[in-house]
Amino acid sequence: MMKQMIRHRLPSRFAPVAFSFYMASLVCILLCLALTAYNTGAGSGYAWRVIKAYAVAWPVAFMGVLLMRPLVVRLVGWTVAPPGR
């Protein structure tokens, strides 16, 4: 008999924070990978340099996305027609 998997989920009021967490994490790792390779090369010690860059950049990216999200939502609203138009 298989046990049902228990999923813990955040309340919907935390959606902006969850969005900011995931968006910052994904964009930050992509940029750290690309910019570390561009600036220092992808040779010996590359992974460690990426991790160090990520540790510095992620908090900045997270706070930036969290703070800029309302502005971006407003800009998208001005740019994209509502459904049915």
PDB file of N, CA and C in Angstrom:
ATOM      1  N   MET A   1       0.841  -1.181   0.000  1.00  0.00           N
ATOM      2  CA  MET A   1       0.000   0.000   0.000  1.00  0.00           C
ATOM      3  C   MET A   1       0.887   1.246   0.000  1.00  0.00           C
ATOM      4  N   MET A   2       0.591   2.152  -0.913  1.00  0.00           N
ATOM      5  CA  MET A   2       1.408   3.357  -1.020  1.00  0.00           C
ATOM      6  C   MET A   2       0.851   4.451  -0.129  1.00  0.00           C
ATOM      7  N   LYS A   3       1.735   5.095   0.551  1.00  0.00           N
ATOM      8  CA  LYS A   3       1.327   6.239   1.364  1.00  0.00           C
ATOM      9  C   LYS A   3       1.074   7.428   0.466  1.00  0.00           C
ATOM     10  N   GLN A   4       0.105   8.218   0.836  1.00  0.00           N
ATOM     11  CA  GLN A   4      -0.118   9.452   0.094  1.00  0.00           C
ATOM     12  C   GLN A   4       0.970  10.451   0.460  1.00  0.00           C
ATOM     13  N   MET A   5       1.469  11.114  -0.562  1.00  0.00           N
ATOM     14  CA  MET A   5       2.491  12.122  -0.324  1.00  0.00           C
ATOM     15  C   MET A   5       1.831  13.384   0.220  1.00  0.00           C
ATOM     16  N   ILE A   6       2.359  13.878   1.302  1.00  0.00           N
ATOM     17  CA  ILE A   6       1.828  15.105   1.898  1.00  0.00           C
ATOM     18  C   ILE A   6       2.573  16.279   1.290  1.00  0.00           C
ATOM     19  N   ARG A   7       1.814  17.189   0.696  1.00  0.00           N
ATOM     20  CA  ARG A   7       2.410  18.384   0.095  1.00  0.00           C
ATOM     21  C   ARG A   7       2.105  19.570   0.977  1.00  0.00           C
ATOM     22  N   HIS A   8       3.128  20.236   1.390  1.00  0.00           N
ATOM     23  CA  HIS A   8       2.956  21.466   2.138  1.00  0.00           C
ATOM     24  C   HIS A   8       3.082  22.616   1.155  1.00  0.00           C
ATOM     25  N   ARG A   9       2.102  23.475   1.162  1.00  0.00           N
ATOM     26  CA  ARG A   9       2.106  24.597   0.232  1.00  0.00           C
ATOM     27  C   ARG A   9       1.916  25.885   1.010  1.00  0.00           C
ATOM     28  N   LEU A  10       2.473  26.942   0.466  1.00  0.00           N
ATOM     29  CA  LEU A  10       2.318  28.257   1.076  1.00  0.00           C
ATOM     30  C   LEU A  10       0.919  28.795   0.816  1.00  0.00           C
ATOM     31  N   PRO A  11       0.418  29.605   1.718  1.00  0.00           N
ATOM     32  CA  PRO A  11      -0.854  30.288   1.440  1.00  0.00           C
ATOM     33  C   PRO A  11      -0.688  31.228   0.241  1.00  0.00           C
ATOM     34  N   SER A  12      -1.774  31.485  -0.455  1.00  0.00           N
ATOM     35  CA  SER A  12      -1.709  32.283  -1.695  1.00  0.00           C
ATOM     36  C   SER A  12      -1.160  33.689  -1.470  1.00  0.00           C
ATOM     37  N   ARG A  13      -1.282  34.212  -0.266  1.00  0.00           N
ATOM     38  CA  ARG A  13      -0.767  35.570  -0.016  1.00  0.00           C
ATOM     39  C   ARG A  13       0.754  35.648  -0.164  1.00  0.00           C
ATOM     40  N   PHE A  14       1.426  34.489  -0.173  1.00  0.00           N
ATOM     41  CA  PHE A  14       2.875  34.458  -0.334  1.00  0.00           C
ATOM     42  C   PHE A  14       3.309  34.275  -1.787  1.00  0.00           C
ATOM     43  N   ALA A  15       2.365  34.320  -2.723  1.00  0.00           N
ATOM     44  CA  ALA A  15       2.695  34.144  -4.137  1.00  0.00           C
ATOM     45  C   ALA A  15       3.752  35.144  -4.630  1.00  0.00           C
ATOM     46  N   PRO A  16       3.664  36.433  -4.284  1.00  0.00           N
ATOM     47  CA  PRO A  16       4.711  37.356  -4.752  1.00  0.00           C
ATOM     48  C   PRO A  16       6.110  36.996  -4.230  1.00  0.00           C
ATOM     49  N   VAL A  17       6.185  36.510  -3.011  1.00  0.00           N
ATOM     50  CA  VAL A  17       7.479  36.132  -2.440  1.00  0.00           C
ATOM     51  C   VAL A  17       8.004  34.872  -3.128  1.00  0.00           C
ATOM     52  N   ALA A  18       7.124  33.887  -3.358  1.00  0.00           N
ATOM     53  CA  ALA A  18       7.538  32.661  -4.040  1.00  0.00           C
ATOM     54  C   ALA A  18       7.986  32.975  -5.467  1.00  0.00           C
ATOM     55  N   PHE A  19       7.221  33.824  -6.163  1.00  0.00           N
ATOM     56  CA  PHE A  19       7.605  34.230  -7.514  1.00  0.00           C
ATOM     57  C   PHE A  19       8.982  34.879  -7.494  1.00  0.00           C
ATOM     58  N   SER A  20       9.206  35.810  -6.579  1.00  0.00           N
ATOM     59  CA  SER A  20      10.482  36.515  -6.493  1.00  0.00           C
ATOM     60  C   SER A  20      11.627  35.554  -6.185  1.00  0.00           C
ATOM     61  N   PHE A  21      11.373  34.593  -5.306  1.00  0.00           N
ATOM     62  CA  PHE A  21      12.397  33.608  -4.961  1.00  0.00           C
ATOM     63  C   PHE A  21      12.826  32.813  -6.189  1.00  0.00           C
ATOM     64  N   TYR A  22      11.851  32.250  -6.908  1.00  0.00           N
ATOM     65  CA  TYR A  22      12.174  31.428  -8.075  1.00  0.00           C
ATOM     66  C   TYR A  22      12.763  32.253  -9.214  1.00  0.00           C
ATOM     67  N   MET A  23      12.194  33.417  -9.483  1.00  0.00           N
ATOM     68  CA  MET A  23      12.694  34.248 -10.574  1.00  0.00           C
ATOM     69  C   MET A  23      14.130  34.702 -10.283  1.00  0.00           C
ATOM     70  N   ALA A  24      14.380  35.164  -9.080  1.00  0.00           N
ATOM     71  CA  ALA A  24      15.724  35.615  -8.716  1.00  0.00           C
ATOM     72  C   ALA A  24      16.713  34.456  -8.792  1.00  0.00           C
ATOM     73  N   SER A  25      16.306  33.285  -8.316  1.00  0.00           N
ATOM     74  CA  SER A  25      17.206  32.125  -8.317  1.00  0.00           C
ATOM     75  C   SER A  25      17.601  31.729  -9.733  1.00  0.00           C
ATOM     76  N   LEU A  26      16.629  31.637 -10.622  1.00  0.00           N
ATOM     77  CA  LEU A  26      16.910  31.189 -11.985  1.00  0.00           C
ATOM     78  C   LEU A  26      17.709  32.215 -12.788  1.00  0.00           C
ATOM     79  N   VAL A  27      17.293  33.466 -12.727  1.00  0.00           N
ATOM     80  CA  VAL A  27      18.009  34.503 -13.478  1.00  0.00           C
ATOM     81  C   VAL A  27      19.412  34.696 -12.906  1.00  0.00           C
ATOM     82  N   CYS A  28      19.520  34.651 -11.609  1.00  0.00           N
ATOM     83  CA  CYS A  28      20.821  34.856 -10.965  1.00  0.00           C
ATOM     84  C   CYS A  28      21.819  33.760 -11.349  1.00  0.00           C
ATOM     85  N   ILE A  29      21.387  32.500 -11.344  1.00  0.00           N
ATOM     86  CA  ILE A  29      22.334  31.429 -11.694  1.00  0.00           C
ATOM     87  C   ILE A  29      22.737  31.535 -13.164  1.00  0.00           C
ATOM     88  N   LEU A  30      21.788  31.875 -14.042  1.00  0.00           N
ATOM     89  CA  LEU A  30      22.142  32.035 -15.458  1.00  0.00           C
ATOM     90  C   LEU A  30      23.158  33.155 -15.654  1.00  0.00           C
ATOM     91  N   LEU A  31      22.917  34.275 -15.005  1.00  0.00           N
ATOM     92  CA  LEU A  31      23.850  35.394 -15.150  1.00  0.00           C
ATOM     93  C   LEU A  31      25.202  35.104 -14.507  1.00  0.00           C
ATOM     94  N   CYS A  32      25.203  34.449 -13.360  1.00  0.00           N
ATOM     95  CA  CYS A  32      26.479  34.114 -12.723  1.00  0.00           C
ATOM     96  C   CYS A  32      27.288  33.151 -13.585  1.00  0.00           C
ATOM     97  N   LEU A  33      26.614  32.165 -14.171  1.00  0.00           N
ATOM     98  CA  LEU A  33      27.314  31.239 -15.063  1.00  0.00           C
ATOM     99  C   LEU A  33      27.918  31.970 -16.256  1.00  0.00           C
ATOM    100  N   ALA A  34      27.123  32.816 -16.894  1.00  0.00           N
ATOM    101  CA  ALA A  34      27.581  33.510 -18.103  1.00  0.00           C
ATOM    102  C   ALA A  34      28.662  34.544 -17.786  1.00  0.00           C
ATOM    103  N   LEU A  35      28.424  35.373 -16.789  1.00  0.00           N
ATOM    104  CA  LEU A  35      29.371  36.456 -16.511  1.00  0.00           C
ATOM    105  C   LEU A  35      30.670  35.958 -15.900  1.00  0.00           C
ATOM    106  N   THR A  36      30.610  34.902 -15.111  1.00  0.00           N
ATOM    107  CA  THR A  36      31.851  34.340 -14.567  1.00  0.00           C
ATOM    108  C   THR A  36      32.693  33.747 -15.697  1.00  0.00           C
ATOM    109  N   ALA A  37      32.046  33.056 -16.622  1.00  0.00           N
ATOM    110  CA  ALA A  37      32.786  32.509 -17.769  1.00  0.00           C
ATOM    111  C   ALA A  37      33.365  33.635 -18.620  1.00  0.00           C
ATOM    112  N   TYR A  38      32.595  34.682 -18.835  1.00  0.00           N
ATOM    113  CA  TYR A  38      33.056  35.802 -19.655  1.00  0.00           C
ATOM    114  C   TYR A  38      34.238  36.526 -18.999  1.00  0.00           C
ATOM    115  N   ASN A  39      34.130  36.777 -17.702  1.00  0.00           N
ATOM    116  CA  ASN A  39      35.153  37.572 -17.011  1.00  0.00           C
ATOM    117  C   ASN A  39      36.401  36.792 -16.626  1.00  0.00           C
ATOM    118  N   THR A  40      36.247  35.516 -16.261  1.00  0.00           N
ATOM    119  CA  THR A  40      37.406  34.774 -15.752  1.00  0.00           C
ATOM    120  C   THR A  40      37.676  33.486 -16.504  1.00  0.00           C
ATOM    121  N   GLY A  41      36.827  33.156 -17.472  1.00  0.00           N
ATOM    122  CA  GLY A  41      37.005  31.905 -18.215  1.00  0.00           C
ATOM    123  C   GLY A  41      36.332  30.748 -17.498  1.00  0.00           C
ATOM    124  N   ALA A  42      36.152  29.673 -18.238  1.00  0.00           N
ATOM    125  CA  ALA A  42      35.461  28.505 -17.686  1.00  0.00           C
ATOM    126  C   ALA A  42      36.448  27.405 -17.320  1.00  0.00           C
ATOM    127  N   GLY A  43      37.644  27.780 -16.991  1.00  0.00           N
ATOM    128  CA  GLY A  43      38.681  26.798 -16.671  1.00  0.00           C
ATOM    129  C   GLY A  43      38.633  26.339 -15.230  1.00  0.00           C
ATOM    130  N   SER A  44      39.779  26.043 -14.720  1.00  0.00           N
ATOM    131  CA  SER A  44      39.929  25.523 -13.364  1.00  0.00           C
ATOM    132  C   SER A  44      39.315  26.472 -12.331  1.00  0.00           C
ATOM    133  N   GLY A  45      38.518  25.929 -11.439  1.00  0.00           N
ATOM    134  CA  GLY A  45      37.904  26.722 -10.380  1.00  0.00           C
ATOM    135  C   GLY A  45      36.643  27.455 -10.801  1.00  0.00           C
ATOM    136  N   TYR A  46      36.158  27.205 -12.012  1.00  0.00           N
ATOM    137  CA  TYR A  46      34.976  27.915 -12.529  1.00  0.00           C
ATOM    138  C   TYR A  46      33.755  27.715 -11.635  1.00  0.00           C
ATOM    139  N   ALA A  47      33.467  26.479 -11.274  1.00  0.00           N
ATOM    140  CA  ALA A  47      32.271  26.203 -10.459  1.00  0.00           C
ATOM    141  C   ALA A  47      32.341  26.939  -9.128  1.00  0.00           C
ATOM    142  N   TRP A  48      33.492  26.936  -8.503  1.00  0.00           N
ATOM    143  CA  TRP A  48      33.643  27.621  -7.220  1.00  0.00           C
ATOM    144  C   TRP A  48      33.453  29.137  -7.375  1.00  0.00           C
ATOM    145  N   ARG A  49      33.976  29.709  -8.445  1.00  0.00           N
ATOM    146  CA  ARG A  49      33.792  31.147  -8.694  1.00  0.00           C
ATOM    147  C   ARG A  49      32.316  31.469  -8.942  1.00  0.00           C
ATOM    148  N   VAL A  50      31.619  30.586  -9.642  1.00  0.00           N
ATOM    149  CA  VAL A  50      30.182  30.796  -9.879  1.00  0.00           C
ATOM    150  C   VAL A  50      29.429  30.764  -8.553  1.00  0.00           C
ATOM    151  N   ILE A  51      29.737  29.806  -7.707  1.00  0.00           N
ATOM    152  CA  ILE A  51      29.058  29.701  -6.403  1.00  0.00           C
ATOM    153  C   ILE A  51      29.312  30.944  -5.564  1.00  0.00           C
ATOM    154  N   LYS A  52      30.539  31.421  -5.560  1.00  0.00           N
ATOM    155  CA  LYS A  52      30.847  32.640  -4.795  1.00  0.00           C
ATOM    156  C   LYS A  52      30.100  33.843  -5.349  1.00  0.00           C
ATOM    157  N   ALA A  53      30.048  33.964  -6.673  1.00  0.00           N
ATOM    158  CA  ALA A  53      29.311  35.074  -7.292  1.00  0.00           C
ATOM    159  C   ALA A  53      27.824  34.973  -6.975  1.00  0.00           C
ATOM    160  N   TYR A  54      27.288  33.765  -7.018  1.00  0.00           N
ATOM    161  CA  TYR A  54      25.866  33.539  -6.740  1.00  0.00           C
ATOM    162  C   TYR A  54      25.533  33.935  -5.294  1.00  0.00           C
ATOM    163  N   ALA A  55      26.418  33.601  -4.370  1.00  0.00           N
ATOM    164  CA  ALA A  55      26.188  33.927  -2.960  1.00  0.00           C
ATOM    165  C   ALA A  55      26.094  35.441  -2.741  1.00  0.00           C
ATOM    166  N   VAL A  56      26.820  36.199  -3.531  1.00  0.00           N
ATOM    167  CA  VAL A  56      26.769  37.655  -3.421  1.00  0.00           C
ATOM    168  C   VAL A  56      25.573  38.218  -4.190  1.00  0.00           C
ATOM    169  N   ALA A  57      25.326  37.670  -5.368  1.00  0.00           N
ATOM    170  CA  ALA A  57      24.318  38.243  -6.260  1.00  0.00           C
ATOM    171  C   ALA A  57      22.881  37.873  -5.889  1.00  0.00           C
ATOM    172  N   TRP A  58      22.655  36.676  -5.330  1.00  0.00           N
ATOM    173  CA  TRP A  58      21.284  36.231  -5.099  1.00  0.00           C
ATOM    174  C   TRP A  58      20.492  37.153  -4.165  1.00  0.00           C
ATOM    175  N   PRO A  59      21.031  37.569  -3.034  1.00  0.00           N
ATOM    176  CA  PRO A  59      20.234  38.463  -2.183  1.00  0.00           C
ATOM    177  C   PRO A  59      19.858  39.772  -2.889  1.00  0.00           C
ATOM    178  N   VAL A  60      20.762  40.281  -3.693  1.00  0.00           N
ATOM    179  CA  VAL A  60      20.482  41.504  -4.449  1.00  0.00           C
ATOM    180  C   VAL A  60      19.384  41.230  -5.479  1.00  0.00           C
ATOM    181  N   ALA A  61      19.483  40.120  -6.186  1.00  0.00           N
ATOM    182  CA  ALA A  61      18.481  39.771  -7.187  1.00  0.00           C
ATOM    183  C   ALA A  61      17.117  39.551  -6.535  1.00  0.00           C
ATOM    184  N   PHE A  62      17.081  38.840  -5.423  1.00  0.00           N
ATOM    185  CA  PHE A  62      15.817  38.568  -4.739  1.00  0.00           C
ATOM    186  C   PHE A  62      15.138  39.851  -4.293  1.00  0.00           C
ATOM    187  N   MET A  63      15.876  40.713  -3.652  1.00  0.00           N
ATOM    188  CA  MET A  63      15.286  41.978  -3.185  1.00  0.00           C
ATOM    189  C   MET A  63      14.876  42.843  -4.375  1.00  0.00           C
ATOM    190  N   GLY A  64      15.679  42.826  -5.430  1.00  0.00           N
ATOM    191  CA  GLY A  64      15.332  43.591  -6.627  1.00  0.00           C
ATOM    192  C   GLY A  64      14.037  43.120  -7.253  1.00  0.00           C
ATOM    193  N   VAL A  65      13.881  41.806  -7.420  1.00  0.00           N
ATOM    194  CA  VAL A  65      12.650  41.269  -7.999  1.00  0.00           C
ATOM    195  C   VAL A  65      11.473  41.533  -7.066  1.00  0.00           C
ATOM    196  N   LEU A  66      11.666  41.328  -5.783  1.00  0.00           N
ATOM    197  CA  LEU A  66      10.590  41.547  -4.809  1.00  0.00           C
ATOM    198  C   LEU A  66      10.120  42.997  -4.824  1.00  0.00           C
ATOM    199  N   LEU A  67      11.058  43.929  -4.893  1.00  0.00           N
ATOM    200  CA  LEU A  67      10.703  45.347  -4.871  1.00  0.00           C
ATOM    201  C   LEU A  67      10.176  45.847  -6.214  1.00  0.00           C
ATOM    202  N   MET A  68      10.677  45.305  -7.321  1.00  0.00           N
ATOM    203  CA  MET A  68      10.274  45.775  -8.649  1.00  0.00           C
ATOM    204  C   MET A  68       9.031  45.080  -9.197  1.00  0.00           C
ATOM    205  N   ARG A  69       8.603  43.983  -8.583  1.00  0.00           N
ATOM    206  CA  ARG A  69       7.459  43.225  -9.085  1.00  0.00           C
ATOM    207  C   ARG A  69       6.203  44.074  -9.270  1.00  0.00           C
ATOM    208  N   PRO A  70       5.811  44.907  -8.304  1.00  0.00           N
ATOM    209  CA  PRO A  70       4.608  45.720  -8.516  1.00  0.00           C
ATOM    210  C   PRO A  70       4.725  46.650  -9.728  1.00  0.00           C
ATOM    211  N   LEU A  71       5.890  47.225  -9.923  1.00  0.00           N
ATOM    212  CA  LEU A  71       6.103  48.099 -11.076  1.00  0.00           C
ATOM    213  C   LEU A  71       5.992  47.298 -12.379  1.00  0.00           C
ATOM    214  N   VAL A  72       6.592  46.118 -12.416  1.00  0.00           N
ATOM    215  CA  VAL A  72       6.560  45.293 -13.619  1.00  0.00           C
ATOM    216  C   VAL A  72       5.126  44.841 -13.922  1.00  0.00           C
ATOM    217  N   VAL A  73       4.375  44.477 -12.897  1.00  0.00           N
ATOM    218  CA  VAL A  73       2.969  44.094 -13.105  1.00  0.00           C
ATOM    219  C   VAL A  73       2.196  45.259 -13.720  1.00  0.00           C
ATOM    220  N   ARG A  74       2.434  46.462 -13.238  1.00  0.00           N
ATOM    221  CA  ARG A  74       1.775  47.653 -13.782  1.00  0.00           C
ATOM    222  C   ARG A  74       2.192  47.905 -15.234  1.00  0.00           C
ATOM    223  N   LEU A  75       3.481  47.781 -15.528  1.00  0.00           N
ATOM    224  CA  LEU A  75       3.966  47.982 -16.891  1.00  0.00           C
ATOM    225  C   LEU A  75       3.366  46.949 -17.850  1.00  0.00           C
ATOM    226  N   VAL A  76       3.271  45.699 -17.404  1.00  0.00           N
ATOM    227  CA  VAL A  76       2.655  44.665 -18.238  1.00  0.00           C
ATOM    228  C   VAL A  76       1.189  44.994 -18.479  1.00  0.00           C
ATOM    229  N   GLY A  77       0.510  45.494 -17.456  1.00  0.00           N
ATOM    230  CA  GLY A  77      -0.890  45.892 -17.614  1.00  0.00           C
ATOM    231  C   GLY A  77      -1.069  47.004 -18.632  1.00  0.00           C
ATOM    232  N   TRP A  78      -0.120  47.911 -18.706  1.00  0.00           N
ATOM    233  CA  TRP A  78      -0.182  48.998 -19.684  1.00  0.00           C
ATOM    234  C   TRP A  78       0.170  48.515 -21.095  1.00  0.00           C
ATOM    235  N   THR A  79       0.940  47.443 -21.181  1.00  0.00           N
ATOM    236  CA  THR A  79       1.459  46.971 -22.455  1.00  0.00           C
ATOM    237  C   THR A  79       0.576  45.913 -23.119  1.00  0.00           C
ATOM    238  N   VAL A  80      -0.066  45.069 -22.318  1.00  0.00           N
ATOM    239  CA  VAL A  80      -0.807  43.925 -22.827  1.00  0.00           C
ATOM    240  C   VAL A  80      -2.306  44.194 -22.702  1.00  0.00           C
ATOM    241  N   ALA A  81      -3.024  43.914 -23.779  1.00  0.00           N
ATOM    242  CA  ALA A  81      -4.485  44.090 -23.765  1.00  0.00           C
ATOM    243  C   ALA A  81      -5.121  43.075 -22.843  1.00  0.00           C
ATOM    244  N   PRO A  82      -6.198  43.469 -22.155  1.00  0.00           N
ATOM    245  CA  PRO A  82      -6.901  42.498 -21.307  1.00  0.00           C
ATOM    246  C   PRO A  82      -7.525  41.399 -22.168  1.00  0.00           C
ATOM    247  N   PRO A  83      -7.820  40.239 -21.568  1.00  0.00           N
ATOM    248  CA  PRO A  83      -8.417  39.139 -22.326  1.00  0.00           C
ATOM    249  C   PRO A  83      -9.731  39.586 -22.994  1.00  0.00           C
ATOM    250  N   GLY A  84      -9.971  39.110 -24.194  1.00  0.00           N
ATOM    251  CA  GLY A  84     -11.204  39.426 -24.889  1.00  0.00           C
ATOM    252  C   GLY A  84     -11.169  40.711 -25.677  1.00  0.00           C
ATOM    253  N   ARG A  85     -10.040  41.331 -25.792  1.00  0.00           N
ATOM    254  CA  ARG A  85      -9.948  42.594 -26.552  1.00  0.00           C
ATOM    255  C   ARG A  85      -9.154  42.412 -27.800  1.00  0.00           C
TER     256      ARG A  85
END
